[in-house]
Amino acid sequence: VDVQPTASFQRVIQRSIIHTQSSGREVASGANVLVAIFSERESHAVWFLKSMNMTRLDAVTYMSHGAEGNVGRGSQETRETEAAEQEGQDPLSQFAVDLISKASAGRIDPLIGRDREVDRTIQVLCLRTKNNPLYVGDPGVGKTAIAEGLALRIHNGEVPDVLSNAVIYALDMGQLLAGTRYRGDFEERLKAVVKAVQDDDNAILFIDEIHTVIGAGATSGGAMDASNLLKPALQEGTLRCIGSTTYKEYRGYFEKDRALVRRFQKIDVNEPTIADTIKILAGLKSRYEEHHKIRFTSAALKTAVDLAARYINDRKLPDKAIDVIDEAAAAQNLLPPSRRKATVGTKEVEATIATMARIPPKHVSRDDKVALASLEDDLKRLVFGQDPALSALASAIKLSRAGLREPEKPVGNYLFSGPTGVGKTEVARQLAEALGIKLMRFDMSEYMERHTVSRLIGAPPGYVGFDQGGLLTDAVDQTPHAVLLLDEIEKAHPDLFNILLQVMDHGKLTDNNGKIVDFRNVILIMTTNAGAQELSKKAIGFNRDNREGADVEAIEKMFTPEFRNRLDAVIPFAALGTDVIRLVVDKFIMQLDAQLTERNVEIELTDAARDWLAERGYDRNYGARPLARVVQEHIKKPLADMLLFGDLAGGGLALVDVKDGKIVVHGKGTPQRALPGKRTALPAPEEQ
């Protein structure tokens, strides 16, 4: 019999497909067909459904929230989890970690010290109501370690009888939130955990980072969240809860909810002293020795604590000291067996600190000794005519690397004074290159207004960009060992000098977010042209070119006494003489000669051409800066044409001479090199 579908049947099937597609599903279920049937006006099926008091809304609700709500959306894992929950699985085993079992398995380190905090915790847990301790302290001071240490003491029977049978459960917030899809799932799980703890008289709930619970589960605009679910149990004393949070989160979350704060007993967990931290490391030493198969000396532990406290400022003890010995031992395990040491000593700890804090090692290496021994000569070879200034600077650097400087100050605070174009900025650049460290230059002409000074340390809260940090503090935080050049400091707003006072005195600067940046490994160099105008004036008397002391008076007028008093030295740069200008000319020609090497071209300079360039490339008011323009105009431009279209296109010799009072460049197409890459020495300047 050929059965044909009726028109109403086809309409129902079509509507069910449309409903399925509009809801984003791929398979049409019986519930979709049921909803589509209600759209038919004349249907026996609709009559039977209505006679059972069923409406179209009931079918839609069943699809959205009933068993069919999971079709096409719920994963197999979610359904298995929900089935396990329906079977009555223990919420504590699902969403919490038993710290007593963890201690019995040997996975908790012993708690060293902190007797006052542990005694206070036990006392609070024994209260009739509000028996909820709250650890508040900076990250890394050991808040979680106190709770785990308490569990270890309970396991070892080292607590009063009142807690001898206690079991501490650490709430796993990730597991608690995993798989919650609908409104109320999270709250239902949390209430199940709370009820399980309330039913067990020996259970204690530990919530690490408890500020994450505040606001969890709340809908937008709703007042009910997880913290409000806990308040009744916390108040009655039926739920013993230990929480931990930081001072920042305590102020941001807890202090806003006074009703929640009063249900906890605050216990401040302060950073341990250096002596206490050394004891903590001594207690943990065996665990790390067993893990790394290496030994630690007592001196290494003490050095790790001392140097971590001094150089790692963005973290707290004992966390940073523990990381130091951990990394020092791990570094040895990365070495080949032939070079691996059986014992970690002071030297290995110092190298680890240098790597973690990005500072030079305390003990000077062989390469550093070579660089420091020739530092003064290297600077004098690159910067001419400023021997007294370079000697003073090199002596200060050696003093610092020898460990004889004041430990809380920068490596050096120097003010370079003198006319423009005499090499002040060049000295800072060459110093950074000679030491192999970064040069950070800030042009103070950009900070002439009061509001621009905040760019260095960050805008205050409430202003646009306050969360972005400051240019100066971020730069030094990323590169703690560097040469910091503040160019033309006299152009900056006077507020900047007040900021620099604590940098020069204590080697620290606090940005707008309260972060302390360490400047103790920074070489601070400031340049100024103050006094240059007075030095350029003619003096009265026979020695009219010498006006010593005039620049000092100008500097005293420009800078306040408290600023000058914090400077290690004011290093004056003298105007350049004729002999020095000839050396500067040779330096420019050597740089040009190095550029021409790739084109297989040499350049030679006659004495007459050298004198011509020295005369026209130096101005008493502008220093040696015009020399670069003179070299470009009279030598580089003619050379460019020769290299592209002339005699030097295939290599050769460029001879610079003077003819009829003008610079002339002669090109010879025959290469003058005996070997590729070999340079011809420049004629030495005549001795004056």
Foldseek 3Di string as FASTA:
>chain_A
DDDDDDPLVVQLVVQLVVVQVVVPHDDRDPLSSVLSNLVDDDDPVVVVCVVVVDDSVNSVCCCCPNPVVPPRPPDPVLVVVVVVVVVPDQLLVQFWDWLLVCLVVVNAAADFDPPVVLVVLVVLCPDQALSEAEEEADPPQQPVNSVSNNSNCLNVVNDDPVLVQAIEIEGHVVSLPPSDDDQPSSVVSLVSNQVSQLVDQRYAYEYEQCLVQVPDSADVPGDDGRLVVCLVCLGRSSYYYYYYHYPVSCVVRVVVPVSSVVSYDYDYRYFDDLVSLLRVCVSCQVVLCVVLVAHEDSQQLSLLSVLCVQQVQPHTPPRSSVVLVNVLSVVLVVDPPVPRDRYDYNQSSQVSSCVVRVFDGLDQDPVNVVLLVCVLVQLCLVADDQNVLSVVVSVLQVCVSVVNDDQQFASFFEEEEAFAARQQVVSQVSNCVSNVAAEAEDEQLQAQDPVSLLQQQADAPPDPGRVVGHPNQVVCSVNVAYEYEHEANLNHHPVNLVQCLCCLVGQWHAGNVRRIGGNRNYHYYYYHHFQHVVLPAFDPDDPRNDDPPSSVVRVPVRDDPSSVVSHPYYRYRYADDLVRLLSVLVVVQVVVQVVCLVLQEGEAEDPQRSSLLSVVQADSNNGNVSSVVVCCVQPVVVVVCCCPPRLQVNYFYWYWDDDPRGIDIDGHNDRPDPDRPDHDDYDDDDDD
